[in-house]
């Protein structure tokens, strides 16, 4: 597929994407929107290990292949997806179906098993499960969700996947800092967004809602959430901010605003090597200019994950809190 065949996507989105992604990234991204992605999944280490799970799946007739950048992640052809969702390994919580891009934010956060972690917009729960697995169900996670239906789905997922170190809260994430000022060792904010990185040409529902007005709406929510995340984080702690969208207003501008609001108290750190895709062509640095505005130089350390037919589009920033922001 060539860029000229991208007419099904909103024209304004395609025009913006061309400005965000330099060639040849733009052409590869447009092609990826048209490809049929394999179904990726992650081993739930709270219930099994990779060798046991692979043996079980192969016995059931699946053909899993490793995703090289994630030792605990695998893929099967899209044609096996429906059957995989009904397999005992899935229904009993030994594997979690998840795009490999979504596995990166918890790896970037790097939680320790003696820490208190805040997962600020936690539903449906895949990243919470991953955090609990990385911590061996030790330490403590507070998982927050503001939408009632999504909150109860989160609770079901955590129970299904054997998570024991997590308390759930039906609460507006933007207000968490009022009750927990500077208390958490690490905070994960996988923010609600316009989900541009998940567009699929064969599914118009994936992009029918898109508009620049929607971007502005999401940005307002994200500004409130990252403020709460920063104010909830201990000095010395780490915050990972992520979205599955391309829009600089929802990504670089959010980080730029935080750096300027809390000048001197935050620093953007490069992602650890284990959190980066294997191929350099799968990622790009954050933009330092957009629509005539020059952004904070630290944003060069942000990472934009580029779709490639397997990975969805994502944006990830890892921030270190250097000093208190209280008062």
Protein backbone atom coordinates (compact mmCIF):
# COMPACT_ATOMS: atom_id res chain seq x y z
CA UNK A 1 0.00 0.00 0.00
CA UNK A 2 1.25 3.50 -0.83
CA UNK A 3 0.51 6.75 1.05
CA UNK A 4 -1.85 7.66 -1.77
CA UNK A 5 -4.09 4.76 -0.73
CA UNK A 6 -4.62 6.24 2.74
CA UNK A 7 -7.75 8.13 1.71
CA UNK A 8 -9.95 6.17 4.14
CA UNK A 9 -8.22 7.76 7.10
CA UNK A 10 -9.27 11.33 8.02
CA UNK A 11 -7.37 13.68 5.69
CA UNK A 12 -6.47 16.03 8.54
CA UNK A 13 -4.98 13.12 10.50
CA UNK A 14 -2.84 12.01 7.53
CA UNK A 15 -1.61 15.57 7.02
CA UNK A 16 -0.68 15.92 10.68
CA UNK A 17 1.02 12.50 10.69
CA UNK A 18 3.18 13.53 7.75
CA UNK A 19 4.43 16.48 9.82
CA UNK A 20 5.00 14.34 12.92
CA UNK A 21 6.88 11.48 11.25
CA UNK A 22 9.70 12.19 8.81
CA UNK A 23 10.17 9.96 5.78
CA UNK A 24 10.51 6.98 5.64
CA UNK A 25 8.70 6.61 8.99
CA UNK A 26 5.52 8.09 7.55
CA UNK A 27 5.29 5.62 4.67
CA UNK A 28 5.95 2.66 6.95
CA UNK A 29 3.31 3.83 9.41
CA UNK A 30 0.67 4.21 6.71
CA UNK A 31 1.46 0.71 5.44
CA UNK A 32 1.18 -0.67 8.97
CA UNK A 33 -2.37 0.69 9.33
CA UNK A 34 -3.38 -1.62 6.45
CA UNK A 35 -1.66 -4.79 7.65
CA UNK A 36 -3.27 -7.64 9.55
CA UNK A 37 -1.43 -7.80 12.87
CA UNK A 38 -0.66 -11.15 14.47
CA UNK A 39 -2.07 -11.65 17.95
CA UNK A 40 0.51 -11.00 20.63
CA UNK A 41 0.35 -12.24 24.20
CA UNK A 42 2.44 -12.16 27.33
CA UNK A 43 3.13 -15.01 29.74
CA UNK A 44 1.55 -14.38 33.14
CA UNK A 45 4.47 -15.24 35.38
CA UNK A 46 2.19 -15.23 38.43
CA UNK A 47 0.62 -18.48 37.20
CA UNK A 48 3.10 -20.21 34.87
CA UNK A 49 6.39 -19.92 33.00
CA UNK A 50 7.13 -19.58 29.30
CA UNK A 51 8.22 -23.16 28.64
CA UNK A 52 5.13 -24.64 30.34
CA UNK A 53 2.78 -22.27 28.56
CA UNK A 54 4.32 -22.90 25.14
CA UNK A 55 4.07 -26.66 25.64
CA UNK A 56 0.41 -26.30 26.59
CA UNK A 57 -0.38 -24.11 23.56
CA UNK A 58 1.47 -26.32 21.09
CA UNK A 59 -0.40 -29.35 22.43
CA UNK A 60 -3.63 -27.43 21.73
CA UNK A 61 -2.57 -26.82 18.12
CA UNK A 62 -1.32 -23.25 18.36
CA UNK A 63 1.87 -22.07 16.64
CA UNK A 64 3.38 -19.41 18.94
CA UNK A 65 6.52 -17.58 17.87
CA UNK A 66 8.68 -15.45 20.18
CA UNK A 67 8.66 -11.69 19.88
CA UNK A 68 12.39 -11.11 20.09
CA UNK A 69 12.26 -7.83 22.00
CA UNK A 70 10.25 -9.33 24.87
CA UNK A 71 11.48 -12.64 26.27
CA UNK A 72 8.10 -13.41 27.87
CA UNK A 73 6.01 -12.35 24.83
CA UNK A 74 4.88 -14.37 21.82
CA UNK A 75 2.59 -14.14 18.83
CA UNK A 76 0.22 -16.38 16.91
CA UNK A 77 -1.37 -15.71 13.50
CA UNK A 78 -4.48 -13.53 13.58
CA UNK A 79 -6.44 -16.56 12.33
CA UNK A 80 -5.80 -18.23 15.71
CA UNK A 81 -6.96 -15.27 17.80
CA UNK A 82 -10.57 -16.32 18.42
CA UNK A 83 -9.55 -19.82 19.42
CA UNK A 84 -6.81 -18.43 21.67
CA UNK A 85 -9.31 -16.28 23.58
CA UNK A 86 -11.30 -19.44 24.34
CA UNK A 87 -8.29 -21.58 25.29
CA UNK A 88 -7.91 -22.60 28.92
CA UNK A 89 -4.55 -20.82 29.11
CA UNK A 90 -6.35 -17.55 28.39
CA UNK A 91 -9.58 -18.02 30.36
CA UNK A 92 -7.64 -19.29 33.38
CA UNK A 93 -5.20 -16.38 33.28
CA UNK A 94 -1.93 -17.98 32.23
CA UNK A 95 -1.54 -15.63 29.27
CA UNK A 96 -2.65 -12.06 28.61
CA UNK A 97 -3.42 -10.95 25.05
CA UNK A 98 -1.70 -7.60 24.62
CA UNK A 99 0.12 -5.67 21.91
CA UNK A 100 3.90 -5.63 22.51
CA UNK A 101 3.93 -1.80 22.55
CA UNK A 102 1.67 -1.92 25.61
CA UNK A 103 4.23 -4.07 27.42
CA UNK A 104 6.87 -1.34 27.27
CA UNK A 105 5.61 1.20 29.88
CA UNK A 106 5.84 -1.24 32.84
CA UNK A 107 9.33 -2.27 31.69
CA UNK A 108 10.30 1.40 31.51
CA UNK A 109 8.91 1.95 35.02
CA UNK A 110 11.08 -0.92 36.38
CA UNK A 111 9.20 -1.51 39.67
CA UNK A 112 10.96 -3.12 42.63
CA UNK A 113 9.39 -5.72 44.89
CA UNK A 114 9.63 -3.57 48.01
CA UNK A 115 8.03 -0.44 46.54
CA UNK A 116 4.61 1.22 46.53
CA UNK A 117 3.44 1.72 42.94
CA UNK A 118 0.55 3.88 41.70
CA UNK A 119 -1.18 2.76 38.49
CA UNK A 120 -3.23 5.88 37.92
CA UNK A 121 -5.62 4.89 35.09
CA UNK A 122 -5.39 1.15 35.45
CA UNK A 123 -8.29 -0.47 33.56
CA UNK A 124 -8.55 -2.89 31.90
CA UNK A 125 -5.62 -4.15 33.98
CA UNK A 126 -3.02 -5.63 31.63
CA UNK A 127 -0.26 -3.32 32.78
CA UNK A 128 -1.23 -3.83 36.43
CA UNK A 129 -0.91 -7.59 35.97
CA UNK A 130 2.47 -7.06 34.32
CA UNK A 131 3.66 -4.85 37.19
CA UNK A 132 2.53 -7.43 39.76
CA UNK A 133 4.38 -10.14 37.84
CA UNK A 134 7.57 -8.08 37.71
CA UNK A 135 7.25 -7.58 41.47
CA UNK A 136 6.53 -11.26 42.18
CA UNK A 137 3.28 -10.21 43.88
CA UNK A 138 5.36 -8.43 46.52
CA UNK A 139 5.40 -4.76 47.42
CA UNK A 140 2.17 -2.83 46.93
CA UNK A 141 0.25 -1.48 43.94
CA UNK A 142 -2.62 1.00 44.13
CA UNK A 143 -4.69 0.70 40.94
CA UNK A 144 -7.06 3.59 40.25
CA UNK A 145 -9.93 3.75 37.75
CA UNK A 146 -12.63 6.42 37.53
CA UNK A 147 -15.19 4.73 35.25
CA UNK A 148 -17.41 2.31 37.19
CA UNK A 149 -17.80 -0.33 34.46
CA UNK A 150 -14.07 -0.31 33.74
CA UNK A 151 -13.31 -0.45 37.47
CA UNK A 152 -15.23 -3.69 37.92
CA UNK A 153 -13.61 -5.13 34.81
CA UNK A 154 -10.23 -4.24 36.35
CA UNK A 155 -11.12 -6.11 39.55
CA UNK A 156 -12.17 -9.20 37.55
CA UNK A 157 -8.94 -9.17 35.55
CA UNK A 158 -6.73 -8.89 38.65
CA UNK A 159 -8.57 -11.80 40.26
CA UNK A 160 -8.42 -13.91 37.07
CA UNK A 161 -4.67 -13.39 36.71
CA UNK A 162 -3.74 -14.06 40.34
CA UNK A 163 -2.72 -10.55 41.40
CA UNK A 164 -2.45 -10.34 45.19
CA UNK A 165 -0.39 -7.21 45.92
CA UNK A 166 -2.88 -4.67 44.53
CA UNK A 167 -5.68 -2.58 46.03
CA UNK A 168 -8.21 -1.08 43.63
CA UNK A 169 -9.85 2.33 43.95
CA UNK A 170 -12.89 3.71 42.12
CA UNK A 171 -11.65 7.27 42.07
CA UNK A 172 -10.87 10.21 39.79
CA UNK A 173 -7.15 9.86 39.13
CA UNK A 174 -6.79 13.63 38.87
CA UNK A 175 -7.67 13.91 42.57
CA UNK A 176 -5.51 11.10 43.98
CA UNK A 177 -2.71 13.46 45.00
CA UNK A 178 -4.98 15.19 47.53
CA UNK A 179 -5.08 12.04 49.70
CA UNK A 180 -1.63 10.65 48.82
CA UNK A 181 0.79 13.58 48.43
CA UNK A 182 4.33 12.45 47.51
CA UNK A 183 3.77 8.92 48.84
CA UNK A 184 4.53 6.60 45.89
CA UNK A 185 7.92 5.26 44.83
CA UNK A 186 6.84 5.01 41.18
CA UNK A 187 3.80 6.05 39.16
CA UNK A 188 2.51 4.66 35.88
CA UNK A 189 0.19 6.96 33.94
CA UNK A 190 -0.97 5.22 30.77
CA UNK A 191 -3.23 8.11 29.92
CA UNK A 192 -6.57 8.07 28.07
CA UNK A 193 -5.95 9.36 24.55
CA UNK A 194 -7.20 9.50 20.97
CA UNK A 195 -5.60 6.08 20.26
CA UNK A 196 -4.22 7.05 16.83
CA UNK A 197 -1.60 4.32 17.12
CA UNK A 198 -4.34 1.68 16.97
CA UNK A 199 -6.02 2.80 13.76
CA UNK A 200 -6.80 -0.03 11.32
CA UNK A 201 -7.87 0.74 7.78
CA UNK A 202 -10.11 -2.32 7.63
CA UNK A 203 -12.02 -1.16 10.73
CA UNK A 204 -13.46 2.36 10.26
CA UNK A 205 -14.72 2.27 13.84
CA UNK A 206 -11.09 2.57 14.98
CA UNK A 207 -10.82 6.09 13.58
CA UNK A 208 -14.42 7.31 13.00
CA UNK A 209 -14.39 9.31 16.27
CA UNK A 210 -11.14 11.15 15.46
CA UNK A 211 -11.03 14.96 15.29
CA UNK A 212 -8.75 17.76 16.41
CA UNK A 213 -11.49 18.64 18.91
CA UNK A 214 -11.10 15.17 20.42
CA UNK A 215 -7.34 15.79 20.75
CA UNK A 216 -8.05 18.98 22.71
CA UNK A 217 -10.52 17.14 24.94
CA UNK A 218 -7.99 14.43 25.74
CA UNK A 219 -5.25 16.98 26.39
CA UNK A 220 -7.34 18.64 29.10
CA UNK A 221 -7.73 15.30 30.88
CA UNK A 222 -4.05 14.44 30.49
CA UNK A 223 -2.89 17.76 31.99
CA UNK A 224 -4.94 17.10 35.13
CA UNK A 225 -3.76 13.50 35.38
CA UNK A 226 -0.05 14.19 35.01
CA UNK A 227 -0.28 16.95 37.63
CA UNK A 228 -1.80 14.41 40.03
CA UNK A 229 0.84 11.82 39.10
CA UNK A 230 3.70 14.23 39.79
CA UNK A 231 2.23 15.43 43.06
CA UNK A 232 1.68 11.81 44.19
CA UNK A 233 5.30 10.82 43.49
CA UNK A 234 8.06 10.85 46.10
CA UNK A 235 11.14 12.97 45.43
CA UNK A 236 13.62 10.65 43.75
CA UNK A 237 10.84 8.55 42.29
CA UNK A 238 10.04 7.66 38.68
CA UNK A 239 6.97 8.50 36.61
CA UNK A 240 6.25 6.84 33.27
CA UNK A 241 3.75 8.66 31.08
CA UNK A 242 2.46 6.84 28.00
CA UNK A 243 -0.23 7.05 25.35
CA UNK A 244 -1.12 5.04 22.25
CA UNK A 245 -1.42 8.14 20.08
CA UNK A 246 0.79 10.28 17.84
CA UNK A 247 -0.60 13.76 18.58
CA UNK A 248 2.13 16.01 20.01
CA UNK A 249 -0.56 17.89 21.95
CA UNK A 250 -1.19 14.68 23.93
CA UNK A 251 2.46 13.70 24.18
CA UNK A 252 5.32 16.19 23.92
CA UNK A 253 3.13 19.14 24.98
CA UNK A 254 2.03 17.31 28.13
CA UNK A 255 5.64 16.63 29.13
CA UNK A 256 6.74 20.14 28.14
CA UNK A 257 3.99 21.63 30.29
CA UNK A 258 4.98 19.51 33.28
CA UNK A 259 8.67 20.40 32.96
CA UNK A 260 7.88 24.10 32.82
CA UNK A 261 5.29 24.01 35.59
CA UNK A 262 7.68 22.22 37.94
CA UNK A 263 10.87 23.80 36.64
CA UNK A 264 13.98 22.15 38.05
CA UNK A 265 12.03 19.41 39.87
CA UNK A 266 11.73 16.97 36.94
CA UNK A 267 14.07 15.41 34.40
CA UNK A 268 13.21 13.23 31.40
CA UNK A 269 15.42 10.14 31.33
CA UNK A 270 16.11 7.92 28.31
CA UNK A 271 14.24 4.63 28.37
CA UNK A 272 16.35 1.73 29.66
CA UNK A 273 17.71 -0.41 26.79
CA UNK A 274 15.50 -3.36 27.72
CA UNK A 275 12.40 -1.18 27.13
CA UNK A 276 13.36 -0.21 23.57
CA UNK A 277 12.32 -2.16 20.43
CA UNK A 278 15.05 -4.29 18.89
CA UNK A 279 14.92 -2.41 15.59
CA UNK A 280 15.93 1.25 15.54
CA UNK A 281 13.33 1.80 12.82
CA UNK A 282 10.61 1.03 15.36
CA UNK A 283 11.20 4.17 17.41
CA UNK A 284 11.88 7.89 17.12
CA UNK A 285 12.83 10.61 19.58
CA UNK A 286 10.34 13.15 20.86
CA UNK A 287 9.74 16.27 18.78
CA UNK A 288 11.46 19.44 19.91
CA UNK A 289 9.32 21.67 17.70
CA UNK A 290 5.68 21.53 16.66
CA UNK A 291 3.60 24.09 14.80
CA UNK A 292 6.11 26.86 15.47
CA UNK A 293 6.53 26.13 19.19
CA UNK A 294 9.93 25.13 20.58
CA UNK A 295 9.69 22.52 23.33
CA UNK A 296 11.88 21.71 26.33
CA UNK A 297 15.18 20.07 25.29
CA UNK A 298 14.60 17.16 27.70
CA UNK A 299 11.85 15.93 25.38
CA UNK A 300 14.56 14.57 23.10
CA UNK A 301 14.70 11.68 25.60
CA UNK A 302 11.04 10.75 25.01
CA UNK A 303 10.34 7.79 22.71
CA UNK A 304 7.70 7.36 20.03
CA UNK A 305 7.06 3.72 19.09
CA UNK A 306 6.19 3.37 15.41
CA UNK A 307 3.72 0.84 13.99
CA UNK A 308 5.35 -1.92 11.94
CA UNK A 309 2.58 -4.47 11.40
CA UNK A 310 3.13 -5.99 14.85
CA UNK A 311 3.68 -3.10 17.27
CA UNK A 312 1.07 -0.36 17.63
CA UNK A 313 1.97 3.31 17.83
CA UNK A 314 2.91 4.51 21.32
CA UNK A 315 4.57 7.43 23.12
CA UNK A 316 6.56 6.93 26.32
CA UNK A 317 8.29 9.35 28.66
CA UNK A 318 10.20 8.39 31.80
CA UNK A 319 10.53 11.25 34.29
CA UNK A 320 12.65 11.41 37.43
CA UNK A 321 11.40 13.64 40.27
CA UNK A 322 14.46 15.47 41.52
CA UNK A 323 12.90 17.42 44.38
CA UNK A 324 9.63 17.98 46.20
CA UNK A 325 6.79 19.76 44.38
CA UNK A 326 4.69 20.21 47.52
CA UNK A 327 3.54 23.65 48.55
